[in-house]
Amino acid sequence: DVSSNNLCGTIPTTGPFEHIPLS
């Protein structure tokens, strides 16, 4: 969860996490 949240916080519109607003 932490790694995913970090990715979403940095690149929310870049990658498979763009549909996951963990930020």
Protein backbone atom coordinates (compact mmCIF):
# COMPACT_ATOMS: atom_id res chain seq x y z
CA ASP A 1 0.00 0.00 0.00
CA VAL A 2 2.81 2.39 0.89
CA SER A 3 4.63 1.89 -2.40
CA SER A 4 1.41 2.28 -4.37
CA ASN A 5 0.49 5.42 -2.47
CA ASN A 6 3.92 6.87 -3.10
CA LEU A 7 3.63 6.22 -6.83
CA CYS A 8 0.17 7.73 -6.98
CA GLY A 9 1.37 10.79 -5.08
CA THR A 10 4.21 11.30 -7.53
CA ILE A 11 2.65 10.17 -10.81
CA PRO A 12 -1.15 10.03 -10.42
CA THR A 13 -1.64 10.27 -14.18
CA THR A 14 1.25 8.05 -15.19
CA GLY A 15 1.06 4.31 -14.78
CA PRO A 16 -1.48 1.71 -13.59
CA PHE A 17 -2.10 3.71 -10.41
CA GLU A 18 -3.76 6.60 -12.24
CA HIS A 19 -7.16 5.06 -11.53
CA ILE A 20 -6.25 4.62 -7.86
CA PRO A 21 -6.37 7.99 -6.04
CA LEU A 22 -4.37 6.85 -3.01
CA SER A 23 -2.91 10.32 -2.70
